[in-house]
Amino acid sequence: MENENKVRRYLPSVLWIVVLIAVYFTLNSLIAPFTDGITLNGKIVTESTKQLGGFLFGIIGGLMLIEIYFYQIFFRKPKNDATNIIIRALQFILAALLLMVVISFLESTDLFRMGDNIVGNFLRSPVTMFGDFQSMLVNTKIATKDSAQLTSSGIMVLALLAIFAVIHISSVSRNHNYGLAYLLILPAFLGVLFLIIYPFLFEIKLAFSNASLGTQATKNAAYGLQYGWENLKTLFTGSVAKDAKFLDVFWRTVIWTVINVTFHVSGGMGLAILLNRPMKVQGLYRTLLVFPWAIPTTIAAMALRNEFDSRYGLFNILLTDLNTWLTGISHGTANIVGIGNLFTWLAAHIGPVSWKQDPFWAFVSILISNIWLGIPFMAVIILGGLQSISQEYYEAAEIDGASKFQQFRNITIPLLRPVLTPAIILGVVWTFNKFDVIYLITQGGPQEKTDILVSSMYKAAFQFYRYGFTAMFALVIFIILFLFTLIYLRISGGLKSAAE
């Protein structure tokens, strides 16, 4: 009995070790033949680990210091009036230094320029002093040139911790009704500030500039309302990429979005209704349903691109076989009035397609690809909404004699509205900005006839290097989607509850 318990205890660990060893040798046998020319040793791994660790340590350490600062503001209070003056002065100085560092960072990324004056030099002083401190450590040989930044950062962190310790000793704890909420939301707020708000502000500034490859991006760019107006005028009257015009690409983008979202929602609704019924191996069907969505889009799009090859692609092979079958049927039914002519006509019009050379069929190819990729997401979302609807509503409707269509229209659709509204808005925004499928399958060709706004914007930025123009282009796309969201919410009543 004791031996059996030992086996049960250690068997999972042994199995995990065996699995990991097997995975290692499998990957090694698959990857090793293709590693010629790749240099990887302990030194390179160590240096890369140090860089990544330093980056993560800086972010986590900075968040911890900011959390400590606000914790002491919310949950600590000075012991008396004398310590109140000292603590508030220290907290004010720390806040001012942090603000000055943020302003210096924003200037270094060219969000604005303070110039070489008294105010600018004063606001840059914390960063300048930090650089001077590093130089002093190197000159006094306290630290080497490579370790000066790490050493100076460590000394600065210790100084801040000493200040926080003084504040902690000179204060007593207190309760705060909303302090914990602020502390919990602070990291998310900082993330939104630096990852969303700041890039958006920089985008607005860049839109009112003549930044391009000729101005060395933003280094020698000029800013002003006149440049914004020129970018906007060029967007609507000139070419958005090479030859394509804005309105042509815009209407193509609208058609692309409407067709995709219509198929996504209707196809997702149909699959969700089918899967919402009791059935055997329901879990298997749901797994197969999300399979297209679970595959990385890059892999799926590149695979589909090969399937649209004119000679070797699956679709043309199937169309060739279908054409051969129709031709044979038309010959066999040639003497039958009407039917023979029908099959002859079908054989003449159904066959291999020039998917990549013909603009119409190239557009159809990306539509097919994106519809296949997008239906699973909508199906999963709608299935979750269907499962949240109580069956009592349908039982009551059946008692009242309502048909299946009436139940769907008066029960399912209204109760799905809180789920469908955000799903449709997300679907429109994602499809409107769906760059990867188009770029990987057609690259916008032929002759830019499958480009949508976002792919044309990509070409303007990374093929023609029109940075200011591209920033204005992005703002126009943002405004279009923002207005659509407001109008759709207004018309659909998506913010209302199902009971209203």
Protein backbone atom coordinates (compact mmCIF):
# COMPACT_ATOMS: atom_id res chain seq x y z
CA MET A 1 0.00 0.00 0.00
CA GLU A 2 2.82 2.35 0.94
CA ASN A 3 4.65 1.59 -2.33
CA GLU A 4 1.47 2.25 -4.29
CA ASN A 5 1.07 5.67 -2.63
CA LYS A 6 4.68 6.54 -3.50
CA VAL A 7 4.07 5.62 -7.12
CA ARG A 8 0.97 7.81 -7.26
CA ARG A 9 2.84 10.68 -5.64
CA TYR A 10 5.91 10.67 -7.87
CA LEU A 11 4.46 9.35 -11.14
CA PRO A 12 3.12 12.75 -12.39
CA SER A 13 6.53 14.39 -11.80
CA VAL A 14 8.32 11.59 -13.62
CA LEU A 15 5.88 11.82 -16.53
CA TRP A 16 6.39 15.61 -16.78
CA ILE A 17 10.17 15.13 -16.83
CA VAL A 18 9.86 12.50 -19.57
CA VAL A 19 7.57 14.76 -21.61
CA LEU A 20 9.93 17.75 -21.30
CA ILE A 21 12.93 15.64 -22.31
CA ALA A 22 10.99 14.27 -25.28
CA VAL A 23 9.95 17.78 -26.35
CA TYR A 24 13.56 18.97 -26.06
CA PHE A 25 14.96 16.20 -28.24
CA THR A 26 12.11 16.52 -30.74
CA LEU A 27 12.63 20.27 -31.16
CA ASN A 28 16.38 19.79 -31.27
CA SER A 29 16.05 17.22 -34.08
CA LEU A 30 13.69 19.52 -36.00
CA ILE A 31 15.62 22.76 -35.54
CA ALA A 32 19.25 21.60 -35.50
CA PRO A 33 19.49 20.91 -39.28
CA PHE A 34 18.60 24.55 -40.02
CA THR A 35 20.90 26.31 -37.51
CA ASP A 36 23.92 26.80 -39.77
CA GLY A 37 25.15 30.38 -39.43
CA ILE A 38 23.27 31.03 -36.18
CA THR A 39 25.56 31.95 -33.30
CA LEU A 40 24.16 31.35 -29.84
CA ASN A 41 26.29 30.92 -26.78
CA GLY A 42 26.19 31.59 -23.07
CA LYS A 43 27.51 35.13 -23.41
CA ILE A 44 24.86 36.16 -25.92
CA VAL A 45 22.10 34.59 -23.80
CA THR A 46 23.44 36.34 -20.68
CA GLU A 47 23.61 39.74 -22.37
CA SER A 48 20.11 39.39 -23.80
CA THR A 49 18.79 38.27 -20.42
CA LYS A 50 20.42 41.28 -18.75
CA GLN A 51 18.82 43.67 -21.23
CA LEU A 52 15.39 42.13 -20.87
CA GLY A 53 15.75 41.87 -17.09
CA GLY A 54 16.87 45.48 -16.83
CA PHE A 55 13.90 46.64 -18.88
CA LEU A 56 11.42 44.65 -16.78
CA PHE A 57 13.13 45.67 -13.54
CA GLY A 58 12.90 49.33 -14.55
CA ILE A 59 9.17 49.11 -15.30
CA ILE A 60 8.29 47.06 -12.20
CA GLY A 61 10.56 49.12 -9.95
CA GLY A 62 9.11 52.37 -11.25
CA LEU A 63 5.55 51.14 -10.66
CA MET A 64 6.46 50.03 -7.13
CA LEU A 65 7.94 53.45 -6.26
CA ILE A 66 4.87 55.24 -7.64
CA GLU A 67 2.56 52.87 -5.73
CA ILE A 68 4.50 53.52 -2.50
CA TYR A 69 4.25 57.26 -3.08
CA PHE A 70 0.47 57.21 -3.50
CA TYR A 71 0.04 54.66 -0.72
CA GLN A 72 1.62 57.11 1.70
CA ILE A 73 -0.61 59.91 0.44
CA PHE A 74 -3.79 57.88 0.90
CA PHE A 75 -3.03 55.72 3.94
CA ARG A 76 -0.50 57.72 5.97
CA LYS A 77 -0.94 61.04 7.76
CA PRO A 78 1.65 63.19 9.58
CA LYS A 79 1.95 62.77 13.33
CA ASN A 80 1.88 66.51 14.05
CA ASP A 81 2.12 69.92 12.43
CA ALA A 82 5.91 69.93 12.30
CA THR A 83 6.14 66.61 10.50
CA ASN A 84 3.23 67.69 8.29
CA ILE A 85 5.36 70.47 6.79
CA ILE A 86 8.32 68.12 6.22
CA ILE A 87 6.25 65.30 4.73
CA ARG A 88 4.22 67.54 2.41
CA ALA A 89 7.37 69.30 1.25
CA LEU A 90 9.05 65.97 0.44
CA GLN A 91 5.98 64.71 -1.38
CA PHE A 92 5.69 67.95 -3.34
CA ILE A 93 9.35 67.80 -4.38
CA LEU A 94 9.00 64.16 -5.49
CA ALA A 95 5.88 64.98 -7.50
CA ALA A 96 7.60 67.98 -9.13
CA LEU A 97 10.66 65.88 -10.02
CA LEU A 98 8.46 63.14 -11.51
CA LEU A 99 6.55 65.70 -13.57
CA MET A 100 9.79 67.24 -14.83
CA VAL A 101 11.12 63.78 -15.81
CA VAL A 102 7.89 63.02 -17.72
CA ILE A 103 8.08 66.38 -19.53
CA SER A 104 11.72 65.70 -20.45
CA PHE A 105 10.76 62.26 -21.74
CA LEU A 106 7.96 63.68 -23.89
CA GLU A 107 10.36 66.28 -25.29
CA SER A 108 12.99 63.62 -26.04
CA THR A 109 10.38 61.74 -28.11
CA ASP A 110 9.66 64.99 -29.99
CA LEU A 111 6.09 65.44 -28.78
CA PHE A 112 6.98 69.11 -28.21
CA ARG A 113 10.10 71.27 -28.09
CA MET A 114 10.89 73.53 -25.14
CA GLY A 115 13.90 75.23 -26.69
CA ASP A 116 17.20 76.22 -25.14
CA ASN A 117 15.97 78.71 -22.53
CA ILE A 118 15.70 79.07 -18.76
CA VAL A 119 12.37 77.24 -18.48
CA GLY A 120 13.45 74.40 -20.76
CA ASN A 121 16.78 73.95 -19.00
CA PHE A 122 15.04 73.96 -15.62
CA LEU A 123 12.52 71.32 -16.65
CA ARG A 124 15.34 69.19 -18.07
CA SER A 125 17.48 69.57 -14.96
CA PRO A 126 16.56 66.20 -13.28
CA VAL A 127 17.56 64.27 -16.42
CA THR A 128 20.65 66.44 -16.91
CA MET A 129 21.71 65.94 -13.28
CA PHE A 130 21.22 62.19 -13.64
CA GLY A 131 23.53 62.18 -16.68
CA ASP A 132 26.10 64.32 -14.84
CA PHE A 133 25.92 61.94 -11.89
CA GLN A 134 26.71 59.00 -14.19
CA SER A 135 29.69 60.88 -15.61
CA MET A 136 30.93 61.63 -12.08
CA LEU A 137 30.76 57.94 -11.15
CA VAL A 138 32.81 57.07 -14.22
CA ASN A 139 35.37 59.86 -13.65
CA THR A 140 35.85 58.92 -10.00
CA LYS A 141 36.12 55.26 -11.07
CA ILE A 142 33.33 54.26 -8.72
CA ALA A 143 31.67 52.61 -11.68
CA THR A 144 32.72 51.64 -15.19
CA LYS A 145 31.17 53.14 -18.29
CA ASP A 146 29.05 50.02 -18.83
CA SER A 147 27.80 49.83 -15.24
CA ALA A 148 27.39 53.57 -14.59
CA GLN A 149 23.70 53.64 -15.56
CA LEU A 150 22.85 50.64 -13.39
CA THR A 151 24.85 51.98 -10.44
CA SER A 152 23.36 55.47 -10.62
CA SER A 153 19.85 54.01 -10.94
CA GLY A 154 20.44 51.85 -7.86
CA ILE A 155 21.68 54.85 -5.85
CA MET A 156 18.64 56.88 -6.95
CA VAL A 157 16.27 54.07 -5.92
CA LEU A 158 17.96 53.78 -2.51
CA ALA A 159 17.63 57.56 -2.03
CA LEU A 160 13.91 57.40 -2.85
CA LEU A 161 13.42 54.47 -0.50
CA ALA A 162 15.20 56.45 2.23
CA ILE A 163 12.81 59.38 1.67
CA PHE A 164 9.83 57.02 1.80
CA ALA A 165 11.22 55.52 5.03
CA VAL A 166 11.44 59.01 6.57
CA ILE A 167 7.85 59.72 5.54
CA HIS A 168 6.70 56.37 6.94
CA ILE A 169 8.43 56.91 10.29
CA SER A 170 7.08 60.45 10.57
CA SER A 171 3.46 59.43 9.92
CA VAL A 172 0.75 57.18 11.26
CA SER A 173 -1.72 54.95 9.42
CA ARG A 174 -5.21 56.08 8.49
CA ASN A 175 -8.20 54.76 6.53
CA HIS A 176 -9.21 56.04 3.14
CA ASN A 177 -12.47 55.16 1.42
CA TYR A 178 -11.15 55.17 -2.15
CA GLY A 179 -7.40 54.79 -1.67
CA LEU A 180 -7.29 51.09 -2.54
CA ALA A 181 -9.29 51.66 -5.72
CA TYR A 182 -6.87 54.36 -6.86
CA LEU A 183 -3.86 52.17 -6.11
CA LEU A 184 -5.32 49.26 -8.08
CA ILE A 185 -6.23 51.36 -11.10
CA LEU A 186 -2.97 53.33 -11.17
CA PRO A 187 -0.88 50.78 -13.18
CA ALA A 188 -3.63 50.50 -15.79
CA PHE A 189 -3.88 54.29 -15.98
CA LEU A 190 -0.12 54.62 -16.55
CA GLY A 191 -0.28 51.94 -19.23
CA VAL A 192 -3.11 53.73 -21.03
CA LEU A 193 -1.29 57.07 -20.66
CA PHE A 194 1.97 55.94 -22.25
CA LEU A 195 0.69 53.26 -24.65
CA ILE A 196 -2.50 54.92 -25.95
CA ILE A 197 -2.89 58.59 -25.02
CA TYR A 198 0.71 59.63 -25.67
CA PRO A 199 0.96 57.91 -29.11
CA PHE A 200 -2.41 59.41 -30.05
CA LEU A 201 -1.22 62.92 -29.12
CA PHE A 202 1.98 62.37 -31.06
CA GLU A 203 -0.09 61.21 -34.04
CA ILE A 204 -2.13 64.44 -33.92
CA LYS A 205 1.04 66.53 -33.83
CA LEU A 206 2.61 64.56 -36.67
CA ALA A 207 -0.52 65.08 -38.80
CA PHE A 208 0.19 68.83 -38.76
CA SER A 209 3.72 68.50 -40.12
CA ASN A 210 5.62 67.97 -43.34
CA ALA A 211 7.51 65.00 -41.89
CA SER A 212 8.82 62.68 -44.59
CA LEU A 213 11.97 60.87 -45.65
CA GLY A 214 13.27 64.17 -46.98
CA THR A 215 13.01 65.84 -43.55
CA GLN A 216 14.70 62.85 -41.85
CA ALA A 217 11.33 61.91 -40.32
CA THR A 218 10.65 64.33 -37.44
CA LYS A 219 14.22 65.60 -37.01
CA ASN A 220 13.95 68.52 -39.45
CA ALA A 221 10.18 68.56 -39.86
CA ALA A 222 8.16 71.76 -39.63
CA TYR A 223 4.85 71.93 -37.81
CA GLY A 224 1.81 74.15 -38.26
CA LEU A 225 -1.83 74.33 -39.28
CA GLN A 226 -0.86 74.98 -42.90
CA TYR A 227 0.89 71.60 -43.09
CA GLY A 228 -2.15 69.86 -41.62
CA TRP A 229 -4.39 71.54 -44.18
CA GLU A 230 -2.05 70.53 -47.01
CA ASN A 231 -2.01 66.91 -45.79
CA LEU A 232 -5.81 66.87 -45.57
CA LYS A 233 -6.24 68.46 -49.00
CA THR A 234 -3.75 66.03 -50.55
CA LEU A 235 -5.57 63.10 -48.93
CA PHE A 236 -8.91 63.94 -50.58
CA THR A 237 -7.65 65.31 -53.90
CA GLY A 238 -4.39 63.48 -54.56
CA SER A 239 -3.20 59.90 -54.44
CA VAL A 240 -3.31 58.05 -51.15
CA ALA A 241 -0.58 55.60 -52.15
CA LYS A 242 0.71 55.38 -55.72
CA ASP A 243 -2.25 55.98 -58.04
CA ALA A 244 -5.30 55.14 -55.90
CA LYS A 245 -7.68 57.96 -54.92
CA PHE A 246 -9.22 58.30 -51.48
CA LEU A 247 -12.88 57.99 -52.47
CA ASP A 248 -12.24 54.89 -54.60
CA VAL A 249 -10.41 53.19 -51.74
CA PHE A 250 -12.98 54.42 -49.21
CA TRP A 251 -15.96 52.91 -51.03
CA ARG A 252 -14.03 49.69 -51.57
CA THR A 253 -13.34 49.64 -47.81
CA VAL A 254 -17.05 50.17 -47.07
CA ILE A 255 -18.01 47.31 -49.41
CA TRP A 256 -15.31 45.12 -47.87
CA THR A 257 -16.54 45.87 -44.34
CA VAL A 258 -20.26 45.48 -45.08
CA ILE A 259 -19.85 42.13 -46.87
CA ASN A 260 -17.52 40.71 -44.23
CA VAL A 261 -19.51 41.81 -41.19
CA THR A 262 -22.78 40.66 -42.78
CA PHE A 263 -21.39 37.17 -43.39
CA HIS A 264 -19.68 37.12 -39.98
CA VAL A 265 -22.86 37.95 -38.10
CA SER A 266 -25.27 35.84 -40.17
CA GLY A 267 -22.89 32.87 -40.37
CA GLY A 268 -21.99 33.16 -36.71
CA MET A 269 -25.67 33.38 -35.78
CA GLY A 270 -26.52 30.26 -37.78
CA LEU A 271 -23.68 28.21 -36.31
CA ALA A 272 -24.45 29.43 -32.79
CA ILE A 273 -28.11 28.43 -33.10
CA LEU A 274 -27.11 24.98 -34.37
CA LEU A 275 -24.61 24.49 -31.53
CA ASN A 276 -27.02 25.77 -28.90
CA ARG A 277 -29.13 22.60 -29.19
CA PRO A 278 -28.44 19.41 -27.21
CA MET A 279 -26.32 17.09 -29.35
CA LYS A 280 -23.63 14.45 -29.09
CA VAL A 281 -19.92 15.43 -29.20
CA GLN A 282 -20.95 19.07 -28.87
CA GLY A 283 -17.52 19.90 -27.44
CA LEU A 284 -15.82 18.56 -30.59
CA TYR A 285 -17.98 20.72 -32.84
CA ARG A 286 -17.21 23.82 -30.78
CA THR A 287 -13.50 23.05 -30.96
CA LEU A 288 -13.65 22.68 -34.74
CA LEU A 289 -15.64 25.92 -34.90
CA VAL A 290 -12.95 28.06 -33.27
CA PHE A 291 -10.16 26.37 -35.22
CA PRO A 292 -9.94 29.01 -38.01
CA TRP A 293 -9.96 31.79 -35.43
CA ALA A 294 -7.36 30.09 -33.22
CA ILE A 295 -4.83 29.76 -36.07
CA PRO A 296 -2.50 32.79 -36.25
CA THR A 297 -3.76 35.02 -39.03
CA THR A 298 -0.34 35.13 -40.69
CA ILE A 299 -0.20 31.35 -41.05
CA ALA A 300 -3.81 31.09 -42.22
CA ALA A 301 -3.45 33.92 -44.76
CA MET A 302 -0.23 32.54 -46.24
CA ALA A 303 -1.80 29.09 -46.55
CA LEU A 304 -4.87 30.56 -48.25
CA ARG A 305 -2.67 32.56 -50.61
CA ASN A 306 -1.30 29.29 -51.95
CA GLU A 307 -4.80 27.87 -52.30
CA PHE A 308 -5.64 30.73 -54.70
CA ASP A 309 -2.74 29.86 -57.03
CA SER A 310 -3.95 29.72 -60.64
CA ARG A 311 -2.42 26.32 -61.42
CA TYR A 312 -1.88 24.47 -58.14
CA GLY A 313 -4.42 26.04 -55.79
CA LEU A 314 -7.28 24.00 -54.34
CA PHE A 315 -10.00 26.34 -55.61
CA ASN A 316 -8.91 26.20 -59.24
CA ILE A 317 -8.45 22.44 -59.06
CA LEU A 318 -12.05 22.09 -57.82
CA LEU A 319 -13.31 24.52 -60.46
CA THR A 320 -11.44 22.60 -63.17
CA ASP A 321 -12.99 19.33 -62.04
CA LEU A 322 -16.43 20.97 -61.91
CA ASN A 323 -15.96 22.38 -65.43
CA THR A 324 -14.96 18.93 -66.73
CA TRP A 325 -18.05 17.37 -65.13
CA LEU A 326 -20.36 20.07 -66.50
CA THR A 327 -18.87 19.68 -69.97
CA GLY A 328 -19.49 15.93 -69.87
CA ILE A 329 -23.06 16.42 -68.66
CA SER A 330 -23.74 19.02 -71.37
CA HIS A 331 -22.62 16.59 -74.07
CA GLY A 332 -24.78 13.84 -72.61
CA THR A 333 -27.87 16.05 -72.42
CA ALA A 334 -27.28 17.96 -75.64
CA ASN A 335 -30.48 16.60 -77.22
CA ILE A 336 -32.67 17.50 -74.24
CA VAL A 337 -34.35 20.83 -74.85
CA GLY A 338 -33.46 23.42 -72.21
CA ILE A 339 -31.35 21.22 -69.94
CA GLY A 340 -28.58 20.71 -72.50
CA ASN A 341 -28.32 24.45 -73.13
CA LEU A 342 -28.26 25.09 -69.36
CA PHE A 343 -25.32 22.75 -68.75
CA THR A 344 -23.53 24.10 -71.83
CA TRP A 345 -23.90 27.64 -70.47
CA LEU A 346 -22.68 26.55 -67.01
CA ALA A 347 -19.66 24.77 -68.54
CA ALA A 348 -18.80 27.92 -70.49
CA HIS A 349 -18.97 30.21 -67.44
CA ILE A 350 -17.68 28.04 -64.59
CA GLY A 351 -14.01 27.16 -64.60
CA PRO A 352 -10.55 28.14 -63.34
CA VAL A 353 -10.23 31.77 -62.23
CA SER A 354 -7.32 34.21 -62.40
CA TRP A 355 -7.43 34.90 -58.67
CA LYS A 356 -4.32 37.09 -58.53
CA GLN A 357 -4.42 38.76 -61.96
CA ASP A 358 -8.07 39.80 -62.17
CA PRO A 359 -8.99 42.66 -59.74
CA PHE A 360 -12.52 41.35 -59.18
CA TRP A 361 -11.47 37.81 -58.33
CA ALA A 362 -8.53 39.05 -56.26
CA PHE A 363 -11.04 41.02 -54.17
CA VAL A 364 -13.26 37.93 -53.94
CA SER A 365 -10.29 35.88 -52.73
CA ILE A 366 -9.60 38.15 -49.77
CA LEU A 367 -13.32 38.27 -48.99
CA ILE A 368 -13.48 34.47 -48.87
CA SER A 369 -10.40 34.34 -46.66
CA ASN A 370 -11.56 36.94 -44.17
CA ILE A 371 -15.10 35.57 -43.97
CA TRP A 372 -13.71 32.14 -43.11
CA LEU A 373 -11.44 33.67 -40.48
CA GLY A 374 -14.08 35.92 -38.91
CA ILE A 375 -17.16 33.72 -38.56
CA PRO A 376 -15.85 31.69 -35.56
CA PHE A 377 -15.42 34.79 -33.38
CA MET A 378 -18.99 35.91 -33.96
CA ALA A 379 -20.27 32.37 -33.46
CA VAL A 380 -18.54 32.05 -30.08
CA ILE A 381 -19.81 35.46 -28.91
CA ILE A 382 -23.38 34.82 -30.05
CA LEU A 383 -23.35 31.28 -28.61
CA GLY A 384 -22.44 32.72 -25.23
CA GLY A 385 -25.34 35.18 -25.54
CA LEU A 386 -27.79 32.43 -26.53
CA GLN A 387 -26.81 30.32 -23.54
CA SER A 388 -27.55 33.24 -21.23
CA ILE A 389 -31.20 33.45 -22.42
CA SER A 390 -33.57 31.57 -20.15
CA GLN A 391 -35.62 28.82 -21.80
CA GLU A 392 -38.68 30.02 -19.89
CA TYR A 393 -39.20 32.79 -22.46
CA TYR A 394 -39.40 30.26 -25.31
CA GLU A 395 -41.68 27.92 -23.33
CA ALA A 396 -44.07 30.78 -22.63
CA ALA A 397 -44.00 31.82 -26.31
CA GLU A 398 -44.78 28.27 -27.44
CA ILE A 399 -47.77 28.18 -25.08
CA ASP A 400 -49.00 31.41 -26.68
CA GLY A 401 -48.63 29.83 -30.13
CA ALA A 402 -45.63 31.82 -31.37
CA SER A 403 -43.79 30.36 -34.35
CA LYS A 404 -40.01 29.77 -34.38
CA PHE A 405 -39.49 32.90 -36.46
CA GLN A 406 -41.59 34.98 -34.07
CA GLN A 407 -39.60 33.64 -31.13
CA PHE A 408 -36.36 34.51 -32.90
CA ARG A 409 -37.52 38.03 -33.78
CA ASN A 410 -39.20 38.92 -30.48
CA ILE A 411 -37.09 37.00 -27.95
CA THR A 412 -33.68 36.03 -29.34
CA ILE A 413 -32.77 39.24 -31.17
CA PRO A 414 -33.81 41.69 -28.38
CA LEU A 415 -32.09 39.65 -25.67
CA LEU A 416 -28.96 39.32 -27.83
CA ARG A 417 -28.75 43.07 -28.41
CA PRO A 418 -26.38 43.76 -25.46
CA VAL A 419 -24.08 41.07 -26.90
CA LEU A 420 -24.47 41.86 -30.61
CA THR A 421 -23.92 45.61 -30.35
CA PRO A 422 -20.33 45.55 -29.04
CA ALA A 423 -19.56 42.48 -31.18
CA ILE A 424 -20.73 44.24 -34.37
CA ILE A 425 -18.87 47.44 -33.47
CA LEU A 426 -15.68 45.48 -32.83
CA GLY A 427 -16.24 43.51 -36.04
CA VAL A 428 -16.63 46.70 -38.08
CA VAL A 429 -13.55 48.34 -36.54
CA TRP A 430 -11.40 45.22 -36.94
CA THR A 431 -12.57 44.56 -40.51
CA PHE A 432 -12.22 48.21 -41.52
CA ASN A 433 -8.61 48.05 -40.32
CA LYS A 434 -7.93 44.47 -41.48
CA PHE A 435 -4.47 44.89 -42.92
CA ASP A 436 -2.81 41.50 -42.55
CA VAL A 437 -5.14 39.40 -44.74
CA ILE A 438 -4.95 41.84 -47.64
CA TYR A 439 -1.21 42.38 -47.38
CA LEU A 440 -0.34 38.69 -47.10
CA ILE A 441 -2.66 37.44 -49.87
CA THR A 442 -2.70 40.16 -52.56
CA GLN A 443 -0.43 42.98 -51.27
CA GLY A 444 -3.20 45.29 -52.46
CA GLY A 445 -2.78 44.20 -56.09
CA PRO A 446 -3.34 44.02 -58.87
CA GLN A 447 -2.96 47.77 -59.56
CA GLU A 448 -4.04 48.64 -56.00
CA LYS A 449 -7.52 47.28 -56.74
CA THR A 450 -7.74 45.29 -53.50
CA ASP A 451 -6.31 47.98 -51.25
CA ILE A 452 -8.48 49.32 -48.45
CA LEU A 453 -7.78 52.49 -46.49
CA VAL A 454 -5.45 50.92 -43.95
CA SER A 455 -3.33 49.09 -46.55
CA SER A 456 -3.04 52.28 -48.61
CA MET A 457 -2.01 54.09 -45.43
CA TYR A 458 0.68 51.45 -44.83
CA LYS A 459 2.07 52.03 -48.32
CA ALA A 460 2.05 55.79 -47.83
CA ALA A 461 4.11 55.36 -44.67
CA PHE A 462 6.52 52.52 -45.47
CA GLN A 463 6.84 52.64 -49.26
CA PHE A 464 6.60 56.38 -49.94
CA TYR A 465 7.67 57.62 -46.46
CA ARG A 466 5.02 60.36 -46.20
CA TYR A 467 4.86 60.42 -42.40
CA GLY A 468 2.89 63.62 -41.84
CA PHE A 469 0.43 62.70 -44.59
CA THR A 470 0.06 59.19 -43.12
CA ALA A 471 -0.65 60.60 -39.66
CA MET A 472 -3.46 62.73 -41.09
CA PHE A 473 -4.68 59.65 -42.99
CA ALA A 474 -4.84 57.72 -39.69
CA LEU A 475 -6.77 60.53 -38.01
CA VAL A 476 -9.34 60.53 -40.80
CA ILE A 477 -9.81 56.76 -40.42
CA PHE A 478 -10.20 57.22 -36.66
CA ILE A 479 -12.84 59.93 -37.14
CA ILE A 480 -14.76 57.76 -39.64
CA LEU A 481 -14.89 54.83 -37.22
CA PHE A 482 -15.68 57.07 -34.26
CA LEU A 483 -18.65 58.64 -36.08
CA PHE A 484 -19.87 55.21 -37.18
CA THR A 485 -19.78 53.98 -33.58
CA LEU A 486 -21.78 56.97 -32.32
CA ILE A 487 -24.36 56.69 -35.11
CA TYR A 488 -24.72 52.92 -34.73
CA LEU A 489 -25.17 53.15 -30.98
CA ARG A 490 -27.77 55.87 -31.50
CA ILE A 491 -29.74 53.96 -34.13
CA SER A 492 -29.49 50.48 -32.65
CA GLY A 493 -30.03 51.51 -29.04
CA GLY A 494 -27.16 49.25 -28.12
CA LEU A 495 -26.58 50.94 -24.77
CA LYS A 496 -30.11 50.14 -23.65
CA SER A 497 -30.92 47.03 -21.71
CA ALA A 498 -32.97 44.25 -23.32
CA ALA A 499 -35.94 45.14 -21.11
CA GLU A 500 -36.19 48.75 -22.34
